[in-house]
C-alpha atoms as a PDB file:
ATOM      1  CA  ALA A   1      95.360 106.593 106.234  1.00  0.00           C
ATOM      2  CA  GLU A   2      93.736 109.789 107.560  1.00  0.00           C
ATOM      3  CA  LEU A   3      96.712 111.958 106.385  1.00  0.00           C
ATOM      4  CA  ALA A   4      96.645 110.438 102.887  1.00  0.00           C
ATOM      5  CA  VAL A   5      92.825 110.919 102.616  1.00  0.00           C
ATOM      6  CA  ASP A   6      93.107 114.489 103.921  1.00  0.00           C
ATOM      7  CA  VAL A   7      95.793 115.415 101.419  1.00  0.00           C
ATOM      8  CA  THR A   8      94.105 113.790  98.375  1.00  0.00           C
ATOM      9  CA  TYR A   9      90.630 115.202  99.073  1.00  0.00           C
ATOM     10  CA  PRO A  10      88.223 115.115  97.083  1.00  0.00           C
ATOM     11  CA  GLY A  11      89.590 111.828  95.896  1.00  0.00           C
ATOM     12  CA  ASP A  12      87.917 108.584  96.780  1.00  0.00           C
ATOM     13  CA  GLU A  13      88.765 107.508 100.348  1.00  0.00           C
ATOM     14  CA  THR A  14      88.577 103.774  99.501  1.00  0.00           C
ATOM     15  CA  ALA A  15      90.979 104.178  96.488  1.00  0.00           C
ATOM     16  CA  VAL A  16      93.473 106.013  98.615  1.00  0.00           C
ATOM     17  CA  GLU A  17      93.432 103.378 101.388  1.00  0.00           C
ATOM     18  CA  SER A  18      93.641 100.558  98.741  1.00  0.00           C
ATOM     19  CA  VAL A  19      96.691 102.123  97.082  1.00  0.00           C
ATOM     20  CA  GLN A  20      98.241 102.634 100.514  1.00  0.00           C
ATOM     21  CA  GLN A  21      97.568  99.064 101.517  1.00  0.00           C
ATOM     22  CA  PHE A  22      98.991  97.764  98.195  1.00  0.00           C
ATOM     23  CA  GLY A  23     102.133  99.884  98.546  1.00  0.00           C
ATOM     24  CA  GLY A  24     102.745  98.756 102.084  1.00  0.00           C
ATOM     25  CA  ASN A  25     102.315  95.054 101.057  1.00  0.00           C
ATOM     26  CA  PHE A  26     104.587  95.543  98.141  1.00  0.00           C
ATOM     27  CA  CYS A  27     107.364  97.176 100.173  1.00  0.00           C
ATOM     28  CA  SER A  28     106.964  94.430 102.849  1.00  0.00           C
ATOM     29  CA  ALA A  29     107.343  91.808 100.031  1.00  0.00           C
ATOM     30  CA  LEU A  30     110.592  93.430  98.900  1.00  0.00           C
ATOM     31  CA  LEU A  31     112.057  94.054 102.414  1.00  0.00           C
ATOM     32  CA  VAL A  32     111.356  90.676 104.021  1.00  0.00           C
ATOM     33  CA  PRO A  33     113.989  88.723 101.874  1.00  0.00           C
ATOM     34  CA  VAL A  34     116.443  91.605 102.178  1.00  0.00           C
ATOM     35  CA  ALA A  35     115.992  91.630 105.982  1.00  0.00           C
ATOM     36  CA  GLY A  36     116.238  87.811 106.034  1.00  0.00           C
ATOM     37  CA  SER A  37     119.619  87.977 104.302  1.00  0.00           C
ATOM     38  CA  ALA A  38     120.802  90.968 106.379  1.00  0.00           C
ATOM     39  CA  ALA A  39     119.945  89.030 109.584  1.00  0.00           C
ATOM     40  CA  LYS A  40     122.784  86.622 108.787  1.00  0.00           C
ATOM     41  CA  LEU A  41     125.233  89.575 109.012  1.00  0.00           C
ATOM     42  CA  ASP A  42     126.656  90.441 112.458  1.00  0.00           C
ATOM     43  CA  TYR A  43     128.703  93.623 113.084  1.00  0.00           C
ATOM     44  CA  GLN A  44     130.667  94.356 116.207  1.00  0.00           C
ATOM     45  CA  PHE A  45     129.625  97.552 117.844  1.00  0.00           C
ATOM     46  CA  LEU A  46     132.435  99.503 119.695  1.00  0.00           C
ATOM     47  CA  PRO A  47     134.667  96.451 120.288  1.00  0.00           C
ATOM     48  CA  ASN A  48     137.472  98.588 121.775  1.00  0.00           C
ATOM     49  CA  VAL A  49     135.198 100.025 124.524  1.00  0.00           C
ATOM     50  CA  PRO A  50     134.472  97.144 126.963  1.00  0.00           C
ATOM     51  CA  PHE A  51     131.673  98.930 128.688  1.00  0.00           C
ATOM     52  CA  LEU A  52     129.806  99.539 125.366  1.00  0.00           C
ATOM     53  CA  ALA A  53     130.955  96.601 123.386  1.00  0.00           C
ATOM     54  CA  GLY A  54     128.424  94.523 121.633  1.00  0.00           C
ATOM     55  CA  ASP A  55     127.084  93.340 118.325  1.00  0.00           C
ATOM     56  CA  ILE A  56     124.287  94.310 116.014  1.00  0.00           C
ATOM     57  CA  ARG A  57     122.719  92.291 113.239  1.00  0.00           C
ATOM     58  CA  GLY A  58     122.195  93.544 109.746  1.00  0.00           C
ATOM     59  CA  ASP A  59     118.340  93.360 109.851  1.00  0.00           C
ATOM     60  CA  VAL A  60     118.334  95.814 112.802  1.00  0.00           C
ATOM     61  CA  ILE A  61     120.553  98.206 110.801  1.00  0.00           C
ATOM     62  CA  LEU A  62     118.249  97.903 107.861  1.00  0.00           C
ATOM     63  CA  MET A  63     115.126  98.633 109.938  1.00  0.00           C
ATOM     64  CA  MET A  64     116.976 101.623 111.545  1.00  0.00           C
ATOM     65  CA  PHE A  65     117.815 102.947 108.086  1.00  0.00           C
ATOM     66  CA  VAL A  66     114.225 102.517 106.899  1.00  0.00           C
ATOM     67  CA  SER A  67     112.918 104.283 110.030  1.00  0.00           C
ATOM     68  CA  ILE A  68     115.282 107.169 109.664  1.00  0.00           C
ATOM     69  CA  LEU A  69     114.422 107.686 106.038  1.00  0.00           C
ATOM     70  CA  THR A  70     110.636 107.619 106.910  1.00  0.00           C
ATOM     71  CA  TYR A  71     111.228 110.198 109.629  1.00  0.00           C
ATOM     72  CA  LEU A  72     113.181 112.469 107.351  1.00  0.00           C
ATOM     73  CA  PHE A  73     110.507 112.215 104.624  1.00  0.00           C
ATOM     74  CA  TYR A  74     107.709 113.166 107.001  1.00  0.00           C
ATOM     75  CA  CYS A  75     109.660 116.041 108.549  1.00  0.00           C
ATOM     76  CA  GLY A  76     109.732 117.674 105.246  1.00  0.00           C
ATOM     77  CA  PHE A  77     106.149 116.830 104.403  1.00  0.00           C
ATOM     78  CA  ASN A  78     104.153 120.022 104.005  1.00  0.00           C
ATOM     79  CA  ALA A  79     101.114 119.293 101.885  1.00  0.00           C
ATOM     80  CA  PRO A  80      97.885 121.291 102.252  1.00  0.00           C
ATOM     81  CA  LEU A  81      95.274 119.383 104.260  1.00  0.00           C
ATOM     82  CA  ARG A  82      92.460 119.848 101.663  1.00  0.00           C
ATOM     83  CA  ARG A  83      89.686 118.049 103.518  1.00  0.00           C
ATOM     84  CA  SER A  84      90.302 119.940 106.649  1.00  0.00           C
ATOM     85  CA  LEU A  85      90.373 123.266 104.730  1.00  0.00           C
ATOM     86  CA  ALA A  86      86.991 122.268 103.057  1.00  0.00           C
ATOM     87  CA  ASP A  87      85.431 121.385 106.388  1.00  0.00           C
ATOM     88  CA  GLY A  88      86.616 124.738 107.837  1.00  0.00           C
ATOM     89  CA  ASP A  89      88.728 123.187 110.620  1.00  0.00           C
END
């Protein structure tokens, strides 16, 4: 929440955190049924290599995909930190 508040300064801190909470809950509400369906899928991982052979479920793949997208988004995130600038930090 600190990054969102810092970027949206002088916006209301409570409003920023409320929007962030609502967005997180909304995304979770959408992802839980998708992850539940994906958990029923089972993929073989490197079946021709006995030492590394295994399986992976669809929900794990989905969460890895979401994590990678989040990482890529924040790697390119370069917004000015307005509150820090105003405080003189």
